[in-house]
Amino acid sequence: MPTKRRRRASKHRGWTGEHLWQLQTGCNHLATAPGEESGWGPHQFSGPYSTEQIEDMERCWQVHGEELTHRRIGCRPWYWWFRKGFPKRPDNEVERLRAMGELSTAEEKKVREWERCRGITDEE
């Protein structure tokens, strides 16, 4: 006789890959037509987002933010910037992060190594 399986409460509260993509990029690429929404709304960078949407973004960020941030060197996901008051990611993230004192020593070392390889800096 089959046993009844109980569904566990979902840790992600219904968040999909589209939600995580939107936290990373600020853009919901899958919502292409008016009224066709996934993630937290239509194809847009700075909203407008409702209070409820922002609260849900924050809950998702609390669960997935560290993972999304640690994948990157010298840049941050869109929602990281949104939380800091920027409507979109700055053009030169590395310089902005340096000015804000947000680069760790290890990250700064990797960024400088990358810059040397690209010929962006004269440091040896």
PDB file of N, CA and C in Angstrom:
ATOM      1  N   MET A   1       0.841  -1.169   0.000  1.00  0.00           N
ATOM      2  CA  MET A   1       0.000   0.000   0.000  1.00  0.00           C
ATOM      3  C   MET A   1       0.899   1.248   0.000  1.00  0.00           C
ATOM      4  N   PRO A   2       0.614   2.182  -0.915  1.00  0.00           N
ATOM      5  CA  PRO A   2       1.436   3.393  -0.980  1.00  0.00           C
ATOM      6  C   PRO A   2       1.266   4.255   0.264  1.00  0.00           C
ATOM      7  N   THR A   3       2.347   4.903   0.626  1.00  0.00           N
ATOM      8  CA  THR A   3       2.285   5.805   1.776  1.00  0.00           C
ATOM      9  C   THR A   3       2.008   7.221   1.299  1.00  0.00           C
ATOM     10  N   LYS A   4       1.346   7.969   2.133  1.00  0.00           N
ATOM     11  CA  LYS A   4       1.098   9.370   1.804  1.00  0.00           C
ATOM     12  C   LYS A   4       2.361  10.167   2.090  1.00  0.00           C
ATOM     13  N   ARG A   5       2.755  10.899   1.126  1.00  0.00           N
ATOM     14  CA  ARG A   5       3.930  11.753   1.303  1.00  0.00           C
ATOM     15  C   ARG A   5       3.484  13.170   1.591  1.00  0.00           C
ATOM     16  N   ARG A   6       4.104  13.739   2.582  1.00  0.00           N
ATOM     17  CA  ARG A   6       3.822  15.128   2.905  1.00  0.00           C
ATOM     18  C   ARG A   6       4.797  16.014   2.161  1.00  0.00           C
ATOM     19  N   ARG A   7       4.283  17.053   1.614  1.00  0.00           N
ATOM     20  CA  ARG A   7       5.165  18.028   0.972  1.00  0.00           C
ATOM     21  C   ARG A   7       5.738  18.942   2.032  1.00  0.00           C
ATOM     22  N   ARG A   8       7.019  19.110   1.973  1.00  0.00           N
ATOM     23  CA  ARG A   8       7.665  20.036   2.897  1.00  0.00           C
ATOM     24  C   ARG A   8       7.471  21.457   2.409  1.00  0.00           C
ATOM     25  N   ALA A   9       7.438  22.355   3.348  1.00  0.00           N
ATOM     26  CA  ALA A   9       7.341  23.763   2.971  1.00  0.00           C
ATOM     27  C   ALA A   9       8.572  24.121   2.164  1.00  0.00           C
ATOM     28  N   SER A  10       8.362  24.779   1.076  1.00  0.00           N
ATOM     29  CA  SER A  10       9.460  25.128   0.179  1.00  0.00           C
ATOM     30  C   SER A  10      10.336  26.203   0.805  1.00  0.00           C
ATOM     31  N   LYS A  11      11.629  25.981   0.780  1.00  0.00           N
ATOM     32  CA  LYS A  11      12.563  26.953   1.334  1.00  0.00           C
ATOM     33  C   LYS A  11      12.565  28.225   0.488  1.00  0.00           C
ATOM     34  N   HIS A  12      12.341  28.065  -0.803  1.00  0.00           N
ATOM     35  CA  HIS A  12      12.450  29.224  -1.685  1.00  0.00           C
ATOM     36  C   HIS A  12      11.151  29.995  -1.866  1.00  0.00           C
ATOM     37  N   ARG A  13      10.080  29.577  -1.254  1.00  0.00           N
ATOM     38  CA  ARG A  13       8.800  30.292  -1.250  1.00  0.00           C
ATOM     39  C   ARG A  13       8.280  30.573  -2.657  1.00  0.00           C
ATOM     40  N   GLY A  14       8.535  29.662  -3.575  1.00  0.00           N
ATOM     41  CA  GLY A  14       8.016  29.837  -4.921  1.00  0.00           C
ATOM     42  C   GLY A  14       8.913  30.637  -5.842  1.00  0.00           C
ATOM     43  N   TRP A  15      10.103  30.998  -5.403  1.00  0.00           N
ATOM     44  CA  TRP A  15      11.003  31.740  -6.280  1.00  0.00           C
ATOM     45  C   TRP A  15      11.512  30.822  -7.378  1.00  0.00           C
ATOM     46  N   THR A  16      11.663  31.378  -8.547  1.00  0.00           N
ATOM     47  CA  THR A  16      12.116  30.610  -9.704  1.00  0.00           C
ATOM     48  C   THR A  16      13.465  31.143 -10.172  1.00  0.00           C
ATOM     49  N   GLY A  17      13.992  30.519 -11.193  1.00  0.00           N
ATOM     50  CA  GLY A  17      15.220  31.010 -11.807  1.00  0.00           C
ATOM     51  C   GLY A  17      15.063  32.431 -12.312  1.00  0.00           C
ATOM     52  N   GLU A  18      13.846  32.778 -12.739  1.00  0.00           N
ATOM     53  CA  GLU A  18      13.597  34.148 -13.208  1.00  0.00           C
ATOM     54  C   GLU A  18      13.779  35.157 -12.079  1.00  0.00           C
ATOM     55  N   HIS A  19      13.351  34.773 -10.875  1.00  0.00           N
ATOM     56  CA  HIS A  19      13.532  35.666  -9.727  1.00  0.00           C
ATOM     57  C   HIS A  19      15.018  35.871  -9.442  1.00  0.00           C
ATOM     58  N   LEU A  20      15.786  34.790  -9.447  1.00  0.00           N
ATOM     59  CA  LEU A  20      17.226  34.904  -9.182  1.00  0.00           C
ATOM     60  C   LEU A  20      17.915  35.692 -10.286  1.00  0.00           C
ATOM     61  N   TRP A  21      17.495  35.482 -11.531  1.00  0.00           N
ATOM     62  CA  TRP A  21      18.060  36.232 -12.661  1.00  0.00           C
ATOM     63  C   TRP A  21      17.781  37.719 -12.478  1.00  0.00           C
ATOM     64  N   GLN A  22      16.573  38.045 -12.043  1.00  0.00           N
ATOM     65  CA  GLN A  22      16.226  39.444 -11.855  1.00  0.00           C
ATOM     66  C   GLN A  22      17.035  40.063 -10.716  1.00  0.00           C
ATOM     67  N   LEU A  23      17.314  39.315  -9.652  1.00  0.00           N
ATOM     68  CA  LEU A  23      18.177  39.838  -8.588  1.00  0.00           C
ATOM     69  C   LEU A  23      19.581  40.099  -9.111  1.00  0.00           C
ATOM     70  N   GLN A  24      20.051  39.272 -10.034  1.00  0.00           N
ATOM     71  CA  GLN A  24      21.395  39.440 -10.578  1.00  0.00           C
ATOM     72  C   GLN A  24      21.478  40.588 -11.569  1.00  0.00           C
ATOM     73  N   THR A  25      20.497  40.690 -12.467  1.00  0.00           N
ATOM     74  CA  THR A  25      20.600  41.626 -13.575  1.00  0.00           C
ATOM     75  C   THR A  25      19.700  42.843 -13.458  1.00  0.00           C
ATOM     76  N   GLY A  26      18.640  42.743 -12.651  1.00  0.00           N
ATOM     77  CA  GLY A  26      17.682  43.833 -12.562  1.00  0.00           C
ATOM     78  C   GLY A  26      16.671  43.815 -13.679  1.00  0.00           C
ATOM     79  N   CYS A  27      16.740  42.815 -14.508  1.00  0.00           N
ATOM     80  CA  CYS A  27      15.881  42.771 -15.679  1.00  0.00           C
ATOM     81  C   CYS A  27      15.210  41.415 -15.769  1.00  0.00           C
ATOM     82  N   ASN A  28      13.936  41.415 -16.045  1.00  0.00           N
ATOM     83  CA  ASN A  28      13.195  40.179 -16.197  1.00  0.00           C
ATOM     84  C   ASN A  28      13.035  39.910 -17.690  1.00  0.00           C
ATOM     85  N   HIS A  29      13.945  39.133 -18.249  1.00  0.00           N
ATOM     86  CA  HIS A  29      13.969  38.888 -19.682  1.00  0.00           C
ATOM     87  C   HIS A  29      12.818  38.025 -20.171  1.00  0.00           C
ATOM     88  N   LEU A  30      12.153  37.319 -19.276  1.00  0.00           N
ATOM     89  CA  LEU A  30      11.096  36.417 -19.705  1.00  0.00           C
ATOM     90  C   LEU A  30       9.744  37.109 -19.820  1.00  0.00           C
ATOM     91  N   ALA A  31       9.611  38.282 -19.263  1.00  0.00           N
ATOM     92  CA  ALA A  31       8.355  39.018 -19.374  1.00  0.00           C
ATOM     93  C   ALA A  31       8.467  39.950 -20.574  1.00  0.00           C
ATOM     94  N   THR A  32       8.006  39.503 -21.706  1.00  0.00           N
ATOM     95  CA  THR A  32       8.241  40.246 -22.937  1.00  0.00           C
ATOM     96  C   THR A  32       7.037  41.026 -23.425  1.00  0.00           C
ATOM     97  N   ALA A  33       5.845  40.715 -22.956  1.00  0.00           N
ATOM     98  CA  ALA A  33       4.652  41.399 -23.430  1.00  0.00           C
ATOM     99  C   ALA A  33       3.885  41.967 -22.237  1.00  0.00           C
ATOM    100  N   PRO A  34       3.144  43.045 -22.463  1.00  0.00           N
ATOM    101  CA  PRO A  34       2.339  43.591 -21.367  1.00  0.00           C
ATOM    102  C   PRO A  34       1.422  42.517 -20.781  1.00  0.00           C
ATOM    103  N   GLY A  35       1.399  42.451 -19.479  1.00  0.00           N
ATOM    104  CA  GLY A  35       0.567  41.458 -18.814  1.00  0.00           C
ATOM    105  C   GLY A  35       1.220  40.093 -18.706  1.00  0.00           C
ATOM    106  N   GLU A  36       2.345  39.893 -19.353  1.00  0.00           N
ATOM    107  CA  GLU A  36       3.063  38.613 -19.307  1.00  0.00           C
ATOM    108  C   GLU A  36       4.198  38.776 -18.314  1.00  0.00           C
ATOM    109  N   GLU A  37       3.959  38.383 -17.092  1.00  0.00           N
ATOM    110  CA  GLU A  37       4.931  38.630 -16.048  1.00  0.00           C
ATOM    111  C   GLU A  37       5.414  37.348 -15.403  1.00  0.00           C
ATOM    112  N   SER A  38       6.667  37.340 -15.076  1.00  0.00           N
ATOM    113  CA  SER A  38       7.277  36.311 -14.246  1.00  0.00           C
ATOM    114  C   SER A  38       8.287  37.067 -13.401  1.00  0.00           C
ATOM    115  N   GLY A  39       8.898  36.437 -12.452  1.00  0.00           N
ATOM    116  CA  GLY A  39       9.784  37.203 -11.579  1.00  0.00           C
ATOM    117  C   GLY A  39       8.981  38.242 -10.824  1.00  0.00           C
ATOM    118  N   TRP A  40       9.513  39.457 -10.708  1.00  0.00           N
ATOM    119  CA  TRP A  40       8.829  40.524  -9.973  1.00  0.00           C
ATOM    120  C   TRP A  40       8.294  41.596 -10.893  1.00  0.00           C
ATOM    121  N   GLY A  41       7.886  41.248 -12.057  1.00  0.00           N
ATOM    122  CA  GLY A  41       7.280  42.251 -12.919  1.00  0.00           C
ATOM    123  C   GLY A  41       7.876  42.259 -14.299  1.00  0.00           C
ATOM    124  N   PRO A  42       7.467  43.214 -15.082  1.00  0.00           N
ATOM    125  CA  PRO A  42       7.869  43.260 -16.483  1.00  0.00           C
ATOM    126  C   PRO A  42       9.337  43.610 -16.673  1.00  0.00           C
ATOM    127  N   HIS A  43       9.753  43.573 -17.918  1.00  0.00           N
ATOM    128  CA  HIS A  43      11.126  43.841 -18.346  1.00  0.00           C
ATOM    129  C   HIS A  43      11.485  45.273 -17.956  1.00  0.00           C
ATOM    130  N   GLN A  44      12.176  45.444 -16.841  1.00  0.00           N
ATOM    131  CA  GLN A  44      12.493  46.779 -16.351  1.00  0.00           C
ATOM    132  C   GLN A  44      13.653  46.713 -15.369  1.00  0.00           C
ATOM    133  N   PHE A  45      14.343  47.821 -15.216  1.00  0.00           N
ATOM    134  CA  PHE A  45      15.477  47.855 -14.307  1.00  0.00           C
ATOM    135  C   PHE A  45      15.138  48.490 -12.971  1.00  0.00           C
ATOM    136  N   SER A  46      14.409  49.567 -12.973  1.00  0.00           N
ATOM    137  CA  SER A  46      14.238  50.292 -11.719  1.00  0.00           C
ATOM    138  C   SER A  46      12.795  50.342 -11.248  1.00  0.00           C
ATOM    139  N   GLY A  47      11.987  49.451 -11.724  1.00  0.00           N
ATOM    140  CA  GLY A  47      10.618  49.410 -11.239  1.00  0.00           C
ATOM    141  C   GLY A  47       9.688  50.223 -12.116  1.00  0.00           C
ATOM    142  N   PRO A  48       8.658  50.755 -11.579  1.00  0.00           N
ATOM    143  CA  PRO A  48       8.412  50.824 -10.144  1.00  0.00           C
ATOM    144  C   PRO A  48       8.001  49.474  -9.570  1.00  0.00           C
ATOM    145  N   TYR A  49       8.488  49.193  -8.387  1.00  0.00           N
ATOM    146  CA  TYR A  49       8.154  47.967  -7.683  1.00  0.00           C
ATOM    147  C   TYR A  49       7.264  48.320  -6.505  1.00  0.00           C
ATOM    148  N   SER A  50       6.305  47.478  -6.247  1.00  0.00           N
ATOM    149  CA  SER A  50       5.432  47.699  -5.095  1.00  0.00           C
ATOM    150  C   SER A  50       6.197  47.353  -3.818  1.00  0.00           C
ATOM    151  N   THR A  51       5.688  47.809  -2.702  1.00  0.00           N
ATOM    152  CA  THR A  51       6.291  47.483  -1.409  1.00  0.00           C
ATOM    153  C   THR A  51       6.329  45.977  -1.224  1.00  0.00           C
ATOM    154  N   GLU A  52       5.269  45.298  -1.623  1.00  0.00           N
ATOM    155  CA  GLU A  52       5.204  43.840  -1.498  1.00  0.00           C
ATOM    156  C   GLU A  52       6.282  43.162  -2.347  1.00  0.00           C
ATOM    157  N   GLN A  53       6.506  43.665  -3.565  1.00  0.00           N
ATOM    158  CA  GLN A  53       7.552  43.096  -4.423  1.00  0.00           C
ATOM    159  C   GLN A  53       8.931  43.298  -3.809  1.00  0.00           C
ATOM    160  N   ILE A  54       9.182  44.493  -3.294  1.00  0.00           N
ATOM    161  CA  ILE A  54      10.486  44.779  -2.682  1.00  0.00           C
ATOM    162  C   ILE A  54      10.695  43.908  -1.450  1.00  0.00           C
ATOM    163  N   GLU A  55       9.658  43.724  -0.651  1.00  0.00           N
ATOM    164  CA  GLU A  55       9.770  42.858   0.526  1.00  0.00           C
ATOM    165  C   GLU A  55      10.065  41.420   0.126  1.00  0.00           C
ATOM    166  N   ASP A  56       9.439  40.951  -0.954  1.00  0.00           N
ATOM    167  CA  ASP A  56       9.701  39.594  -1.420  1.00  0.00           C
ATOM    168  C   ASP A  56      11.108  39.478  -2.001  1.00  0.00           C
ATOM    169  N   MET A  57      11.560  40.519  -2.728  1.00  0.00           N
ATOM    170  CA  MET A  57      12.939  40.534  -3.227  1.00  0.00           C
ATOM    171  C   MET A  57      13.909  40.418  -2.056  1.00  0.00           C
ATOM    172  N   GLU A  58      13.630  41.160  -0.998  1.00  0.00           N
ATOM    173  CA  GLU A  58      14.508  41.149   0.173  1.00  0.00           C
ATOM    174  C   GLU A  58      14.547  39.771   0.816  1.00  0.00           C
ATOM    175  N   ARG A  59      13.390  39.115   0.934  1.00  0.00           N
ATOM    176  CA  ARG A  59      13.362  37.757   1.494  1.00  0.00           C
ATOM    177  C   ARG A  59      14.166  36.801   0.616  1.00  0.00           C
ATOM    178  N   CYS A  60      14.010  36.911  -0.682  1.00  0.00           N
ATOM    179  CA  CYS A  60      14.774  36.064  -1.607  1.00  0.00           C
ATOM    180  C   CYS A  60      16.266  36.366  -1.482  1.00  0.00           C
ATOM    181  N   TRP A  61      16.605  37.647  -1.366  1.00  0.00           N
ATOM    182  CA  TRP A  61      18.001  38.050  -1.216  1.00  0.00           C
ATOM    183  C   TRP A  61      18.601  37.479   0.067  1.00  0.00           C
ATOM    184  N   GLN A  62      17.820  37.476   1.142  1.00  0.00           N
ATOM    185  CA  GLN A  62      18.310  36.931   2.410  1.00  0.00           C
ATOM    186  C   GLN A  62      18.674  35.459   2.263  1.00  0.00           C
ATOM    187  N   VAL A  63      17.964  34.743   1.426  1.00  0.00           N
ATOM    188  CA  VAL A  63      18.237  33.317   1.206  1.00  0.00           C
ATOM    189  C   VAL A  63      19.359  33.120   0.192  1.00  0.00           C
ATOM    190  N   HIS A  64      19.351  33.878  -0.897  1.00  0.00           N
ATOM    191  CA  HIS A  64      20.251  33.610  -2.027  1.00  0.00           C
ATOM    192  C   HIS A  64      21.319  34.672  -2.267  1.00  0.00           C
ATOM    193  N   GLY A  65      21.259  35.797  -1.560  1.00  0.00           N
ATOM    194  CA  GLY A  65      22.159  36.919  -1.837  1.00  0.00           C
ATOM    195  C   GLY A  65      23.632  36.593  -1.727  1.00  0.00           C
ATOM    196  N   GLU A  66      24.006  35.871  -0.685  1.00  0.00           N
ATOM    197  CA  GLU A  66      25.433  35.553  -0.507  1.00  0.00           C
ATOM    198  C   GLU A  66      25.947  34.704  -1.669  1.00  0.00           C
ATOM    199  N   GLU A  67      25.158  33.719  -2.052  1.00  0.00           N
ATOM    200  CA  GLU A  67      25.539  32.861  -3.181  1.00  0.00           C
ATOM    201  C   GLU A  67      25.671  33.676  -4.467  1.00  0.00           C
ATOM    202  N   LEU A  68      24.736  34.587  -4.710  1.00  0.00           N
ATOM    203  CA  LEU A  68      24.772  35.404  -5.924  1.00  0.00           C
ATOM    204  C   LEU A  68      25.945  36.377  -5.909  1.00  0.00           C
ATOM    205  N   THR A  69      26.308  36.873  -4.742  1.00  0.00           N
ATOM    206  CA  THR A  69      27.395  37.843  -4.632  1.00  0.00           C
ATOM    207  C   THR A  69      28.765  37.182  -4.733  1.00  0.00           C
ATOM    208  N   HIS A  70      28.929  36.023  -4.131  1.00  0.00           N
ATOM    209  CA  HIS A  70      30.244  35.384  -4.099  1.00  0.00           C
ATOM    210  C   HIS A  70      30.656  34.769  -5.426  1.00  0.00           C
ATOM    211  N   ARG A  71      29.770  34.726  -6.377  1.00  0.00           N
ATOM    212  CA  ARG A  71      30.122  34.237  -7.719  1.00  0.00           C
ATOM    213  C   ARG A  71      30.869  35.291  -8.515  1.00  0.00           C
ATOM    214  N   ARG A  72      30.921  36.503  -8.036  1.00  0.00           N
ATOM    215  CA  ARG A  72      31.431  37.626  -8.808  1.00  0.00           C
ATOM    216  C   ARG A  72      32.710  38.198  -8.196  1.00  0.00           C
ATOM    217  N   ILE A  73      33.585  38.670  -9.064  1.00  0.00           N
ATOM    218  CA  ILE A  73      34.803  39.340  -8.631  1.00  0.00           C
ATOM    219  C   ILE A  73      34.778  40.744  -9.225  1.00  0.00           C
ATOM    220  N   GLY A  74      34.795  41.752  -8.371  1.00  0.00           N
ATOM    221  CA  GLY A  74      34.846  43.136  -8.837  1.00  0.00           C
ATOM    222  C   GLY A  74      33.515  43.697  -9.295  1.00  0.00           C
ATOM    223  N   CYS A  75      32.456  42.997  -9.052  1.00  0.00           N
ATOM    224  CA  CYS A  75      31.125  43.511  -9.381  1.00  0.00           C
ATOM    225  C   CYS A  75      30.108  42.884  -8.429  1.00  0.00           C
ATOM    226  N   ARG A  76      28.914  43.415  -8.440  1.00  0.00           N
ATOM    227  CA  ARG A  76      27.857  42.937  -7.561  1.00  0.00           C
ATOM    228  C   ARG A  76      26.571  42.765  -8.360  1.00  0.00           C
ATOM    229  N   PRO A  77      25.679  41.907  -7.877  1.00  0.00           N
ATOM    230  CA  PRO A  77      24.381  41.760  -8.549  1.00  0.00           C
ATOM    231  C   PRO A  77      23.576  43.063  -8.473  1.00  0.00           C
ATOM    232  N   TRP A  78      22.634  43.191  -9.387  1.00  0.00           N
ATOM    233  CA  TRP A  78      21.793  44.386  -9.435  1.00  0.00           C
ATOM    234  C   TRP A  78      21.135  44.663  -8.095  1.00  0.00           C
ATOM    235  N   TYR A  79      20.583  43.662  -7.432  1.00  0.00           N
ATOM    236  CA  TYR A  79      19.839  43.934  -6.201  1.00  0.00           C
ATOM    237  C   TYR A  79      20.757  44.448  -5.098  1.00  0.00           C
ATOM    238  N   TRP A  80      22.013  44.051  -5.100  1.00  0.00           N
ATOM    239  CA  TRP A  80      22.973  44.580  -4.126  1.00  0.00           C
ATOM    240  C   TRP A  80      23.022  46.103  -4.280  1.00  0.00           C
ATOM    241  N   TRP A  81      23.129  46.574  -5.542  1.00  0.00           N
ATOM    242  CA  TRP A  81      23.173  48.013  -5.801  1.00  0.00           C
ATOM    243  C   TRP A  81      21.835  48.671  -5.469  1.00  0.00           C
ATOM    244  N   PHE A  82      20.745  48.008  -5.811  1.00  0.00           N
ATOM    245  CA  PHE A  82      19.410  48.527  -5.522  1.00  0.00           C
ATOM    246  C   PHE A  82      19.247  48.775  -4.025  1.00  0.00           C
ATOM    247  N   ARG A  83      19.741  47.842  -3.205  1.00  0.00           N
ATOM    248  CA  ARG A  83      19.668  47.986  -1.748  1.00  0.00           C
ATOM    249  C   ARG A  83      20.507  49.168  -1.271  1.00  0.00           C
ATOM    250  N   LYS A  84      21.572  49.510  -1.989  1.00  0.00           N
ATOM    251  CA  LYS A  84      22.445  50.634  -1.619  1.00  0.00           C
ATOM    252  C   LYS A  84      21.906  51.967  -2.129  1.00  0.00           C
ATOM    253  N   GLY A  85      20.762  51.925  -2.852  1.00  0.00           N
ATOM    254  CA  GLY A  85      20.157  53.166  -3.328  1.00  0.00           C
ATOM    255  C   GLY A  85      20.460  53.516  -4.769  1.00  0.00           C
ATOM    256  N   PHE A  86      21.076  52.617  -5.518  1.00  0.00           N
ATOM    257  CA  PHE A  86      21.362  52.857  -6.923  1.00  0.00           C
ATOM    258  C   PHE A  86      20.252  52.223  -7.772  1.00  0.00           C
ATOM    259  N   PRO A  87      19.636  52.958  -8.691  1.00  0.00           N
ATOM    260  CA  PRO A  87      18.575  52.371  -9.503  1.00  0.00           C
ATOM    261  C   PRO A  87      19.092  51.334 -10.502  1.00  0.00           C
ATOM    262  N   LYS A  88      20.358  51.446 -10.884  1.00  0.00           N
ATOM    263  CA  LYS A  88      20.970  50.440 -11.751  1.00  0.00           C
ATOM    264  C   LYS A  88      22.448  50.325 -11.396  1.00  0.00           C
ATOM    265  N   ARG A  89      23.076  49.294 -11.939  1.00  0.00           N
ATOM    266  CA  ARG A  89      24.495  49.090 -11.641  1.00  0.00           C
ATOM    267  C   ARG A  89      25.315  50.192 -12.298  1.00  0.00           C
ATOM    268  N   PRO A  90      26.329  50.722 -11.598  1.00  0.00           N
ATOM    269  CA  PRO A  90      27.167  51.768 -12.190  1.00  0.00           C
ATOM    270  C   PRO A  90      27.990  51.223 -13.350  1.00  0.00           C
ATOM    271  N   ASP A  91      28.390  52.122 -14.243  1.00  0.00           N
ATOM    272  CA  ASP A  91      29.172  51.705 -15.407  1.00  0.00           C
ATOM    273  C   ASP A  91      30.505  51.088 -15.011  1.00  0.00           C
ATOM    274  N   ASN A  92      31.216  51.707 -14.079  1.00  0.00           N
ATOM    275  CA  ASN A  92      32.495  51.175 -13.646  1.00  0.00           C
ATOM    276  C   ASN A  92      32.361  50.680 -12.202  1.00  0.00           C
ATOM    277  N   GLU A  93      31.884  49.459 -12.078  1.00  0.00           N
ATOM    278  CA  GLU A  93      31.619  48.911 -10.746  1.00  0.00           C
ATOM    279  C   GLU A  93      32.868  48.812  -9.887  1.00  0.00           C
ATOM    280  N   VAL A  94      33.976  48.405 -10.484  1.00  0.00           N
ATOM    281  CA  VAL A  94      35.199  48.227  -9.694  1.00  0.00           C
ATOM    282  C   VAL A  94      35.593  49.532  -9.018  1.00  0.00           C
ATOM    283  N   GLU A  95      35.601  50.614  -9.768  1.00  0.00           N
ATOM    284  CA  GLU A  95      35.987  51.903  -9.182  1.00  0.00           C
ATOM    285  C   GLU A  95      35.005  52.339  -8.101  1.00  0.00           C
ATOM    286  N   ARG A  96      33.714  52.114  -8.340  1.00  0.00           N
ATOM    287  CA  ARG A  96      32.706  52.493  -7.349  1.00  0.00           C
ATOM    288  C   ARG A  96      32.865  51.649  -6.080  1.00  0.00           C
ATOM    289  N   LEU A  97      33.093  50.332  -6.261  1.00  0.00           N
ATOM    290  CA  LEU A  97      33.284  49.452  -5.108  1.00  0.00           C
ATOM    291  C   LEU A  97      34.535  49.831  -4.324  1.00  0.00           C
ATOM    292  N   ARG A  98      35.596  50.209  -5.036  1.00  0.00           N
ATOM    293  CA  ARG A  98      36.812  50.667  -4.348  1.00  0.00           C
ATOM    294  C   ARG A  98      36.526  51.916  -3.535  1.00  0.00           C
ATOM    295  N   ALA A  99      35.827  52.872  -4.148  1.00  0.00           N
ATOM    296  CA  ALA A  99      35.522  54.126  -3.460  1.00  0.00           C
ATOM    297  C   ALA A  99      34.650  53.884  -2.227  1.00  0.00           C
ATOM    298  N   MET A 100      33.801  52.876  -2.295  1.00  0.00           N
ATOM    299  CA  MET A 100      32.915  52.547  -1.174  1.00  0.00           C
ATOM    300  C   MET A 100      33.598  51.654  -0.143  1.00  0.00           C
ATOM    301  N   GLY A 101      34.813  51.166  -0.448  1.00  0.00           N
ATOM    302  CA  GLY A 101      35.527  50.281   0.463  1.00  0.00           C
ATOM    303  C   GLY A 101      34.893  48.900   0.554  1.00  0.00           C
ATOM    304  N   GLU A 102      34.275  48.441  -0.538  1.00  0.00           N
ATOM    305  CA  GLU A 102      33.530  47.185  -0.529  1.00  0.00           C
ATOM    306  C   GLU A 102      34.308  45.981  -1.053  1.00  0.00           C
ATOM    307  N   LEU A 103      35.507  46.193  -1.584  1.00  0.00           N
ATOM    308  CA  LEU A 103      36.294  45.064  -2.088  1.00  0.00           C
ATOM    309  C   LEU A 103      37.125  44.466  -0.952  1.00  0.00           C
ATOM    310  N   SER A 104      37.018  43.153  -0.791  1.00  0.00           N
ATOM    311  CA  SER A 104      37.859  42.490   0.205  1.00  0.00           C
ATOM    312  C   SER A 104      39.297  42.478  -0.304  1.00  0.00           C
ATOM    313  N   THR A 105      40.241  42.193   0.560  1.00  0.00           N
ATOM    314  CA  THR A 105      41.645  42.136   0.163  1.00  0.00           C
ATOM    315  C   THR A 105      41.850  41.080  -0.919  1.00  0.00           C
ATOM    316  N   ALA A 106      41.260  39.915  -0.735  1.00  0.00           N
ATOM    317  CA  ALA A 106      41.398  38.836  -1.728  1.00  0.00           C
ATOM    318  C   ALA A 106      40.765  39.236  -3.055  1.00  0.00           C
ATOM    319  N   GLU A 107      39.620  39.886  -2.995  1.00  0.00           N
ATOM    320  CA  GLU A 107      38.945  40.312  -4.220  1.00  0.00           C
ATOM    321  C   GLU A 107      39.753  41.397  -4.921  1.00  0.00           C
ATOM    322  N   GLU A 108      40.286  42.338  -4.165  1.00  0.00           N
ATOM    323  CA  GLU A 108      41.121  43.399  -4.741  1.00  0.00           C
ATOM    324  C   GLU A 108      42.330  42.801  -5.451  1.00  0.00           C
ATOM    325  N   LYS A 109      42.938  41.793  -4.836  1.00  0.00           N
ATOM    326  CA  LYS A 109      44.094  41.134  -5.441  1.00  0.00           C
ATOM    327  C   LYS A 109      43.713  40.499  -6.784  1.00  0.00           C
ATOM    328  N   LYS A 110      42.580  39.836  -6.833  1.00  0.00           N
ATOM    329  CA  LYS A 110      42.122  39.198  -8.078  1.00  0.00           C
ATOM    330  C   LYS A 110      41.783  40.239  -9.138  1.00  0.00           C
ATOM    331  N   VAL A 111      41.166  41.334  -8.716  1.00  0.00           N
ATOM    332  CA  VAL A 111      40.821  42.402  -9.663  1.00  0.00           C
ATOM    333  C   VAL A 111      42.088  43.010 -10.244  1.00  0.00           C
ATOM    334  N   ARG A 112      43.087  43.271  -9.390  1.00  0.00           N
ATOM    335  CA  ARG A 112      44.347  43.848  -9.881  1.00  0.00           C
ATOM    336  C   ARG A 112      45.068  42.889 -10.832  1.00  0.00           C
ATOM    337  N   GLU A 113      45.019  41.615 -10.536  1.00  0.00           N
ATOM    338  CA  GLU A 113      45.606  40.607 -11.423  1.00  0.00           C
ATOM    339  C   GLU A 113      44.906  40.629 -12.783  1.00  0.00           C
ATOM    340  N   TRP A 114      43.583  40.699 -12.766  1.00  0.00           N
ATOM    341  CA  TRP A 114      42.814  40.766 -13.997  1.00  0.00           C
ATOM    342  C   TRP A 114      43.153  42.041 -14.775  1.00  0.00           C
ATOM    343  N   GLU A 115      43.259  43.173 -14.064  1.00  0.00           N
ATOM    344  CA  GLU A 115      43.587  44.447 -14.714  1.00  0.00           C
ATOM    345  C   GLU A 115      44.969  44.398 -15.351  1.00  0.00           C
ATOM    346  N   ARG A 116      45.944  43.771 -14.656  1.00  0.00           N
ATOM    347  CA  ARG A 116      47.291  43.644 -15.226  1.00  0.00           C
ATOM    348  C   ARG A 116      47.256  42.807 -16.499  1.00  0.00           C
ATOM    349  N   CYS A 117      46.521  41.721 -16.475  1.00  0.00           N
ATOM    350  CA  CYS A 117      46.410  40.852 -17.660  1.00  0.00           C
ATOM    351  C   CYS A 117      45.777  41.583 -18.832  1.00  0.00           C
ATOM    352  N   ARG A 118      44.848  42.465 -18.550  1.00  0.00           N
ATOM    353  CA  ARG A 118      44.137  43.225 -19.587  1.00  0.00           C
ATOM    354  C   ARG A 118      44.870  44.506 -19.977  1.00  0.00           C
ATOM    355  N   GLY A 119      45.957  44.825 -19.278  1.00  0.00           N
ATOM    356  CA  GLY A 119      46.700  46.046 -19.576  1.00  0.00           C
ATOM    357  C   GLY A 119      45.993  47.302 -19.102  1.00  0.00           C
ATOM    358  N   ILE A 120      45.106  47.161 -18.121  1.00  0.00           N
ATOM    359  CA  ILE A 120      44.345  48.307 -17.624  1.00  0.00           C
ATOM    360  C   ILE A 120      45.172  49.118 -16.637  1.00  0.00           C
ATOM    361  N   THR A 121      46.119  48.502 -15.984  1.00  0.00           N
ATOM    362  CA  THR A 121      46.938  49.203 -14.990  1.00  0.00           C
ATOM    363  C   THR A 121      48.414  48.986 -15.314  1.00  0.00           C
ATOM    364  N   ASP A 122      49.240  49.926 -14.864  1.00  0.00           N
ATOM    365  CA  ASP A 122      50.679  49.834 -15.116  1.00  0.00           C
ATOM    366  C   ASP A 122      51.412  49.123 -13.997  1.00  0.00           C
ATOM    367  N   GLU A 123      50.704  48.732 -12.946  1.00  0.00           N
ATOM    368  CA  GLU A 123      51.355  48.107 -11.783  1.00  0.00           C
ATOM    369  C   GLU A 123      51.959  46.783 -12.162  1.00  0.00           C
ATOM    370  N   GLU A 124      53.039  46.459 -11.504  1.00  0.00           N
ATOM    371  CA  GLU A 124      53.714  45.174 -11.719  1.00  0.00           C
ATOM    372  C   GLU A 124      53.555  44.297 -10.508  1.00  0.00           C
TER     373      GLU A 124
END
